Amino acid sequence: MKKGIHPNYRAVVFHDVSANVSILTRSCVETDETVKHTDGNEYPLYKVEISSASHPFFTGKMKFVDTTGRVEKFQNKYKKVGYGQKK
């Protein structure tokens, strides 16, 4: 295999902020935050809004997720391009 072209896989904690659940797995995602996991070791932390612990498909029940400001956030993100604006 060629050297230097493959991502650096390492142990990362994914934290579902909706359900307050943490999952330790291997990933190459870049993150600046770290957290001390239940095993006592410190790992990089990546926060997600939804996972199998909070998604209605996996839980079987509907859960209200705060969506206030998502439309405004989208419009602000693509304001320069003019996407989503009425002509």
C-alpha atoms as a PDB file:
ATOM      1  CA  MET A   1       0.000   0.000   0.000  1.00  0.00           C
ATOM      2  CA  LYS A   2       1.099   3.553  -0.655  1.00  0.00           C
ATOM      3  CA  LYS A   3       2.316   5.537   2.313  1.00  0.00           C
ATOM      4  CA  GLY A   4       0.570   8.755   3.382  1.00  0.00           C
ATOM      5  CA  ILE A   5      -2.697   8.385   1.438  1.00  0.00           C
ATOM      6  CA  HIS A   6      -4.791   6.537   3.997  1.00  0.00           C
ATOM      7  CA  PRO A   7      -6.695   8.306   6.803  1.00  0.00           C
ATOM      8  CA  ASN A   8      -5.541   8.045  10.391  1.00  0.00           C
ATOM      9  CA  TYR A   9      -8.129   5.820  12.123  1.00  0.00           C
ATOM     10  CA  ARG A  10      -8.223   6.152  15.889  1.00  0.00           C
ATOM     11  CA  ALA A  11     -10.646   5.685  18.773  1.00  0.00           C
ATOM     12  CA  VAL A  12     -13.211   8.522  18.907  1.00  0.00           C
ATOM     13  CA  VAL A  13     -16.194   9.139  21.211  1.00  0.00           C
ATOM     14  CA  PHE A  14     -19.366  10.168  19.376  1.00  0.00           C
ATOM     15  CA  HIS A  15     -21.759  11.957  21.759  1.00  0.00           C
ATOM     16  CA  ASP A  16     -25.459  12.204  20.848  1.00  0.00           C
ATOM     17  CA  VAL A  17     -26.507  15.505  22.438  1.00  0.00           C
ATOM     18  CA  SER A  18     -30.238  14.716  22.003  1.00  0.00           C
ATOM     19  CA  ALA A  19     -30.189  11.462  23.979  1.00  0.00           C
ATOM     20  CA  ASN A  20     -27.043  12.148  26.049  1.00  0.00           C
ATOM     21  CA  VAL A  21     -25.468   8.881  24.865  1.00  0.00           C
ATOM     22  CA  SER A  22     -21.790   8.326  24.084  1.00  0.00           C
ATOM     23  CA  ILE A  23     -20.428   5.697  21.697  1.00  0.00           C
ATOM     24  CA  LEU A  24     -16.752   4.757  21.478  1.00  0.00           C
ATOM     25  CA  THR A  25     -15.723   3.621  18.001  1.00  0.00           C
ATOM     26  CA  ARG A  26     -12.914   4.015  15.484  1.00  0.00           C
ATOM     27  CA  SER A  27     -13.046   6.909  13.043  1.00  0.00           C
ATOM     28  CA  CYS A  28     -10.885   9.336  11.071  1.00  0.00           C
ATOM     29  CA  VAL A  29     -13.077  12.376  11.840  1.00  0.00           C
ATOM     30  CA  GLU A  30     -11.143  15.513  12.842  1.00  0.00           C
ATOM     31  CA  THR A  31     -12.055  17.152  16.156  1.00  0.00           C
ATOM     32  CA  ASP A  32     -10.561  19.622  18.625  1.00  0.00           C
ATOM     33  CA  GLU A  33     -12.414  18.506  21.760  1.00  0.00           C
ATOM     34  CA  THR A  34     -11.538  15.590  24.038  1.00  0.00           C
ATOM     35  CA  VAL A  35     -13.484  13.767  26.740  1.00  0.00           C
ATOM     36  CA  LYS A  36     -12.714  11.247  29.467  1.00  0.00           C
ATOM     37  CA  HIS A  37     -14.656   8.066  28.634  1.00  0.00           C
ATOM     38  CA  THR A  38     -16.087   5.539  31.113  1.00  0.00           C
ATOM     39  CA  ASP A  39     -12.948   3.384  30.820  1.00  0.00           C
ATOM     40  CA  GLY A  40     -10.878   6.270  32.253  1.00  0.00           C
ATOM     41  CA  ASN A  41      -9.003   7.088  29.054  1.00  0.00           C
ATOM     42  CA  GLU A  42      -9.225  10.401  27.203  1.00  0.00           C
ATOM     43  CA  TYR A  43     -10.449  10.310  23.592  1.00  0.00           C
ATOM     44  CA  PRO A  44     -11.289  12.855  20.876  1.00  0.00           C
ATOM     45  CA  LEU A  45     -14.955  13.943  21.106  1.00  0.00           C
ATOM     46  CA  TYR A  46     -17.332  14.456  18.175  1.00  0.00           C
ATOM     47  CA  LYS A  47     -20.852  15.726  18.946  1.00  0.00           C
ATOM     48  CA  VAL A  48     -23.813  14.629  16.803  1.00  0.00           C
ATOM     49  CA  GLU A  49     -27.437  15.782  16.933  1.00  0.00           C
ATOM     50  CA  ILE A  50     -29.000  12.417  16.185  1.00  0.00           C
ATOM     51  CA  SER A  51     -27.974   8.769  16.364  1.00  0.00           C
ATOM     52  CA  SER A  52     -29.649   5.396  16.679  1.00  0.00           C
ATOM     53  CA  ALA A  53     -30.283   6.234  20.349  1.00  0.00           C
ATOM     54  CA  SER A  54     -32.498   9.217  19.454  1.00  0.00           C
ATOM     55  CA  HIS A  55     -33.765   8.583  15.899  1.00  0.00           C
ATOM     56  CA  PRO A  56     -37.494   7.681  15.759  1.00  0.00           C
ATOM     57  CA  PHE A  57     -36.860   4.797  13.342  1.00  0.00           C
ATOM     58  CA  PHE A  58     -34.709   2.997  15.907  1.00  0.00           C
ATOM     59  CA  THR A  59     -36.537   4.082  19.073  1.00  0.00           C
ATOM     60  CA  GLY A  60     -40.080   3.499  17.790  1.00  0.00           C
ATOM     61  CA  LYS A  61     -41.371   6.772  19.207  1.00  0.00           C
ATOM     62  CA  MET A  62     -41.511  10.284  17.879  1.00  0.00           C
ATOM     63  CA  LYS A  63     -39.363  12.802  19.676  1.00  0.00           C
ATOM     64  CA  PHE A  64     -39.586  16.541  19.191  1.00  0.00           C
ATOM     65  CA  VAL A  65     -36.224  17.912  18.089  1.00  0.00           C
ATOM     66  CA  ASP A  66     -35.698  21.650  18.437  1.00  0.00           C
ATOM     67  CA  THR A  67     -35.574  22.956  14.870  1.00  0.00           C
ATOM     68  CA  THR A  68     -35.870  26.651  15.630  1.00  0.00           C
ATOM     69  CA  GLY A  69     -33.488  28.611  13.466  1.00  0.00           C
ATOM     70  CA  ARG A  70     -32.587  25.845  11.015  1.00  0.00           C
ATOM     71  CA  VAL A  71     -34.218  27.646   8.092  1.00  0.00           C
ATOM     72  CA  GLU A  72     -32.501  30.901   9.016  1.00  0.00           C
ATOM     73  CA  LYS A  73     -29.186  29.099   9.456  1.00  0.00           C
ATOM     74  CA  PHE A  74     -29.571  27.528   5.987  1.00  0.00           C
ATOM     75  CA  GLN A  75     -30.474  30.866   4.403  1.00  0.00           C
ATOM     76  CA  ASN A  76     -27.531  32.620   6.039  1.00  0.00           C
ATOM     77  CA  LYS A  77     -25.170  29.871   4.917  1.00  0.00           C
ATOM     78  CA  TYR A  78     -26.187  30.199   1.252  1.00  0.00           C
ATOM     79  CA  LYS A  79     -26.937  33.929   1.249  1.00  0.00           C
ATOM     80  CA  LYS A  80     -23.856  34.721  -0.863  1.00  0.00           C
ATOM     81  CA  VAL A  81     -24.890  32.270  -3.576  1.00  0.00           C
ATOM     82  CA  GLY A  82     -28.492  33.450  -3.618  1.00  0.00           C
ATOM     83  CA  TYR A  83     -29.864  29.927  -3.135  1.00  0.00           C
ATOM     84  CA  GLY A  84     -33.330  29.744  -1.597  1.00  0.00           C
ATOM     85  CA  GLN A  85     -34.211  33.384  -2.178  1.00  0.00           C
ATOM     86  CA  LYS A  86     -37.326  34.391  -4.065  1.00  0.00           C
ATOM     87  CA  LYS A  87     -36.795  35.908  -7.490  1.00  0.00           C
END
